[in-house]
Amino acid sequence: MNLLHGIEYEKIGYYVEYMVNGKYYGSINIEEKDRETVGYCGRQYHIATEDIVFSNKKRIKKGMKYYTHLYPLCGRSNFNPKNIKTL
């Protein structure tokens, strides 16, 4: 279980967003983290060594510069509004 904004949730994996010149091209799901920092601060820059084709038919061609962000995939939370205590 992980904690996000005070609510515990089940971690079911991660996804990596692929961006070119600030435009979203696609994403892939992965089981384990491929870097320590998630989100914008964990941005990594790459040059494609082969064509990358996504399910939305977009393509990053060999030799293009792109960058990636890693984000967690959140599963079911155990949030129950009945357990909230007011001050």
N, C-alpha and C. Protein backbone atom coordinates (compact mmCIF):
# COMPACT_ATOMS: atom_id res chain seq x y z
N MET A 1 0.84 -1.19 0.00
CA MET A 1 0.00 0.00 0.00
C MET A 1 0.88 1.25 0.00
N ASN A 2 0.46 2.25 -0.71
CA ASN A 2 1.15 3.53 -0.74
C ASN A 2 0.22 4.60 -0.21
N LEU A 3 0.77 5.75 0.12
CA LEU A 3 -0.01 6.85 0.68
C LEU A 3 0.02 8.01 -0.30
N LEU A 4 -1.14 8.49 -0.72
CA LEU A 4 -1.25 9.62 -1.64
C LEU A 4 -2.31 10.56 -1.10
N HIS A 5 -1.92 11.77 -0.74
CA HIS A 5 -2.83 12.78 -0.18
C HIS A 5 -3.58 12.24 1.04
N GLY A 6 -2.89 11.44 1.85
CA GLY A 6 -3.48 10.93 3.07
C GLY A 6 -4.39 9.73 2.89
N ILE A 7 -4.52 9.23 1.67
CA ILE A 7 -5.37 8.07 1.39
C ILE A 7 -4.49 6.93 0.93
N GLU A 8 -4.63 5.77 1.54
CA GLU A 8 -3.86 4.61 1.11
C GLU A 8 -4.51 4.01 -0.13
N TYR A 9 -3.66 3.54 -1.05
CA TYR A 9 -4.16 2.90 -2.25
C TYR A 9 -3.25 1.74 -2.62
N GLU A 10 -3.78 0.84 -3.39
CA GLU A 10 -3.04 -0.32 -3.84
C GLU A 10 -2.25 0.04 -5.09
N LYS A 11 -0.94 -0.25 -5.10
CA LYS A 11 -0.11 0.02 -6.27
C LYS A 11 -0.21 -1.16 -7.22
N ILE A 12 -0.59 -0.90 -8.47
CA ILE A 12 -0.74 -1.99 -9.43
C ILE A 12 0.27 -1.89 -10.56
N GLY A 13 1.22 -0.99 -10.47
CA GLY A 13 2.25 -0.86 -11.49
C GLY A 13 2.55 0.61 -11.77
N TYR A 14 3.15 0.85 -12.92
CA TYR A 14 3.55 2.19 -13.33
C TYR A 14 3.29 2.36 -14.82
N TYR A 15 3.25 3.60 -15.28
CA TYR A 15 3.21 3.84 -16.71
C TYR A 15 4.19 4.94 -17.07
N VAL A 16 4.75 4.83 -18.26
CA VAL A 16 5.74 5.78 -18.76
C VAL A 16 5.10 6.54 -19.90
N GLU A 17 5.05 7.88 -19.77
CA GLU A 17 4.54 8.75 -20.83
C GLU A 17 5.68 9.14 -21.75
N TYR A 18 5.44 9.11 -23.04
CA TYR A 18 6.42 9.53 -24.05
C TYR A 18 5.97 10.86 -24.64
N MET A 19 6.86 11.84 -24.64
CA MET A 19 6.56 13.19 -25.13
C MET A 19 7.61 13.61 -26.15
N VAL A 20 7.16 14.34 -27.19
CA VAL A 20 8.06 14.92 -28.19
C VAL A 20 7.67 16.38 -28.35
N ASN A 21 8.61 17.27 -28.09
CA ASN A 21 8.37 18.72 -28.20
C ASN A 21 7.13 19.16 -27.43
N GLY A 22 6.95 18.61 -26.23
CA GLY A 22 5.82 19.00 -25.38
C GLY A 22 4.50 18.37 -25.75
N LYS A 23 4.47 17.48 -26.74
CA LYS A 23 3.23 16.82 -27.16
C LYS A 23 3.25 15.36 -26.74
N TYR A 24 2.12 14.92 -26.23
CA TYR A 24 1.96 13.53 -25.79
C TYR A 24 1.89 12.61 -27.00
N TYR A 25 2.72 11.56 -27.01
CA TYR A 25 2.69 10.59 -28.10
C TYR A 25 2.06 9.28 -27.68
N GLY A 26 2.27 8.87 -26.44
CA GLY A 26 1.69 7.62 -25.97
C GLY A 26 2.30 7.21 -24.64
N SER A 27 1.88 6.06 -24.15
CA SER A 27 2.41 5.56 -22.88
C SER A 27 2.46 4.04 -22.91
N ILE A 28 3.28 3.49 -22.02
CA ILE A 28 3.34 2.04 -21.85
C ILE A 28 3.25 1.72 -20.37
N ASN A 29 2.68 0.59 -20.04
CA ASN A 29 2.59 0.13 -18.66
C ASN A 29 3.78 -0.76 -18.34
N ILE A 30 4.32 -0.60 -17.14
CA ILE A 30 5.43 -1.44 -16.69
C ILE A 30 5.14 -1.90 -15.26
N GLU A 31 5.74 -3.01 -14.86
CA GLU A 31 5.52 -3.59 -13.53
C GLU A 31 6.32 -2.89 -12.44
N GLU A 32 7.59 -2.60 -12.72
CA GLU A 32 8.49 -2.02 -11.72
C GLU A 32 8.98 -0.65 -12.17
N LYS A 33 9.39 0.17 -11.20
CA LYS A 33 9.93 1.48 -11.53
C LYS A 33 11.23 1.33 -12.31
N ASP A 34 11.42 2.18 -13.32
CA ASP A 34 12.68 2.18 -14.06
C ASP A 34 13.57 3.34 -13.64
N ARG A 35 13.12 4.13 -12.66
CA ARG A 35 13.91 5.24 -12.11
C ARG A 35 13.40 5.53 -10.71
N GLU A 36 14.17 6.25 -9.92
CA GLU A 36 13.81 6.52 -8.53
C GLU A 36 12.76 7.62 -8.40
N THR A 37 12.86 8.67 -9.23
CA THR A 37 11.97 9.82 -9.09
C THR A 37 10.81 9.70 -10.07
N VAL A 38 9.58 9.84 -9.57
CA VAL A 38 8.41 9.78 -10.43
C VAL A 38 7.94 11.20 -10.75
N GLY A 39 7.14 11.32 -11.80
CA GLY A 39 6.56 12.60 -12.18
C GLY A 39 7.51 13.47 -12.99
N TYR A 40 7.21 14.75 -13.02
CA TYR A 40 7.96 15.71 -13.83
C TYR A 40 9.44 15.74 -13.44
N CYS A 41 9.72 15.67 -12.17
CA CYS A 41 11.12 15.74 -11.71
C CYS A 41 11.95 14.54 -12.15
N GLY A 42 11.30 13.46 -12.52
CA GLY A 42 12.01 12.27 -12.97
C GLY A 42 12.13 12.20 -14.49
N ARG A 43 11.96 13.32 -15.17
CA ARG A 43 12.03 13.37 -16.63
C ARG A 43 13.37 12.86 -17.12
N GLN A 44 13.33 12.02 -18.17
CA GLN A 44 14.55 11.52 -18.80
C GLN A 44 14.49 11.79 -20.29
N TYR A 45 15.60 12.23 -20.85
CA TYR A 45 15.69 12.54 -22.28
C TYR A 45 16.35 11.38 -23.00
N HIS A 46 15.87 11.09 -24.21
CA HIS A 46 16.36 9.97 -25.00
C HIS A 46 16.40 10.34 -26.47
N ILE A 47 17.12 9.54 -27.24
CA ILE A 47 17.07 9.57 -28.70
C ILE A 47 16.68 8.16 -29.13
N ALA A 48 15.63 8.04 -29.94
CA ALA A 48 15.11 6.73 -30.33
C ALA A 48 16.13 5.97 -31.16
N THR A 49 16.43 4.75 -30.75
CA THR A 49 17.35 3.89 -31.50
C THR A 49 16.61 3.02 -32.51
N GLU A 50 15.28 3.00 -32.38
CA GLU A 50 14.41 2.29 -33.33
C GLU A 50 13.04 2.95 -33.28
N ASP A 51 12.19 2.67 -34.24
CA ASP A 51 10.85 3.24 -34.24
C ASP A 51 10.06 2.73 -33.04
N ILE A 52 9.32 3.63 -32.39
CA ILE A 52 8.44 3.28 -31.27
C ILE A 52 7.02 3.57 -31.71
N VAL A 53 6.18 2.54 -31.78
CA VAL A 53 4.80 2.70 -32.24
C VAL A 53 3.87 2.42 -31.06
N PHE A 54 2.91 3.33 -30.84
CA PHE A 54 1.97 3.22 -29.73
C PHE A 54 0.61 2.73 -30.23
N SER A 55 -0.24 2.31 -29.30
CA SER A 55 -1.55 1.79 -29.67
C SER A 55 -2.46 2.85 -30.29
N ASN A 56 -2.15 4.13 -30.08
CA ASN A 56 -2.95 5.21 -30.67
C ASN A 56 -2.46 5.57 -32.08
N LYS A 57 -1.59 4.72 -32.66
CA LYS A 57 -1.05 4.84 -34.01
C LYS A 57 0.02 5.92 -34.16
N LYS A 58 0.37 6.62 -33.09
CA LYS A 58 1.44 7.61 -33.16
C LYS A 58 2.77 6.89 -33.15
N ARG A 59 3.78 7.51 -33.73
CA ARG A 59 5.07 6.86 -33.90
C ARG A 59 6.19 7.85 -33.59
N ILE A 60 7.17 7.39 -32.84
CA ILE A 60 8.42 8.13 -32.65
C ILE A 60 9.43 7.43 -33.55
N LYS A 61 9.92 8.16 -34.54
CA LYS A 61 10.83 7.57 -35.53
C LYS A 61 12.25 7.49 -35.00
N LYS A 62 12.99 6.56 -35.55
CA LYS A 62 14.39 6.37 -35.19
C LYS A 62 15.15 7.69 -35.36
N GLY A 63 15.92 8.06 -34.32
CA GLY A 63 16.72 9.28 -34.36
C GLY A 63 16.03 10.51 -33.76
N MET A 64 14.71 10.42 -33.48
CA MET A 64 14.00 11.56 -32.89
C MET A 64 14.34 11.70 -31.41
N LYS A 65 14.37 12.93 -30.93
CA LYS A 65 14.55 13.20 -29.50
C LYS A 65 13.19 13.14 -28.83
N TYR A 66 13.14 12.51 -27.67
CA TYR A 66 11.91 12.45 -26.89
C TYR A 66 12.28 12.40 -25.42
N TYR A 67 11.28 12.62 -24.55
CA TYR A 67 11.51 12.47 -23.12
C TYR A 67 10.36 11.72 -22.50
N THR A 68 10.63 11.17 -21.31
CA THR A 68 9.64 10.33 -20.64
C THR A 68 9.43 10.78 -19.20
N HIS A 69 8.23 10.51 -18.69
CA HIS A 69 7.86 10.70 -17.28
C HIS A 69 7.33 9.37 -16.78
N LEU A 70 7.59 9.06 -15.53
CA LEU A 70 7.08 7.85 -14.90
C LEU A 70 6.02 8.22 -13.87
N TYR A 71 4.88 7.54 -13.91
CA TYR A 71 3.79 7.78 -12.95
C TYR A 71 3.27 6.45 -12.41
N PRO A 72 2.80 6.43 -11.14
CA PRO A 72 2.24 5.19 -10.59
C PRO A 72 0.82 4.96 -11.09
N LEU A 73 0.46 3.71 -11.25
CA LEU A 73 -0.92 3.32 -11.52
C LEU A 73 -1.53 2.96 -10.18
N CYS A 74 -2.58 3.62 -9.81
CA CYS A 74 -3.21 3.41 -8.50
C CYS A 74 -4.40 2.48 -8.65
N GLY A 75 -4.51 1.55 -7.74
CA GLY A 75 -5.64 0.63 -7.72
C GLY A 75 -6.70 1.12 -6.75
N ARG A 76 -7.36 0.19 -6.15
CA ARG A 76 -8.45 0.48 -5.22
C ARG A 76 -7.92 1.15 -3.95
N SER A 77 -8.63 2.17 -3.47
CA SER A 77 -8.23 2.82 -2.22
C SER A 77 -9.05 2.23 -1.08
N ASN A 78 -8.56 2.42 0.12
CA ASN A 78 -9.31 1.96 1.29
C ASN A 78 -10.01 3.13 1.97
N PHE A 79 -10.23 4.22 1.21
CA PHE A 79 -10.86 5.41 1.76
C PHE A 79 -12.30 5.12 2.16
N ASN A 80 -12.65 5.52 3.38
CA ASN A 80 -14.01 5.38 3.87
C ASN A 80 -14.40 6.69 4.55
N PRO A 81 -15.34 7.44 3.97
CA PRO A 81 -15.70 8.75 4.55
C PRO A 81 -16.23 8.64 6.00
N LYS A 82 -16.70 7.49 6.41
CA LYS A 82 -17.22 7.32 7.77
C LYS A 82 -16.09 7.40 8.80
N ASN A 83 -14.83 7.17 8.35
CA ASN A 83 -13.71 7.17 9.27
C ASN A 83 -13.08 8.55 9.45
N ILE A 84 -13.61 9.57 8.79
CA ILE A 84 -13.04 10.92 8.89
C ILE A 84 -13.52 11.57 10.19
N LYS A 85 -12.56 12.12 10.92
CA LYS A 85 -12.87 12.80 12.18
C LYS A 85 -12.66 14.29 11.98
N THR A 86 -13.59 15.09 12.40
CA THR A 86 -13.46 16.55 12.30
C THR A 86 -12.91 17.09 13.60
N LEU A 87 -12.23 18.22 13.50
CA LEU A 87 -11.66 18.85 14.70
C LEU A 87 -12.67 19.74 15.39
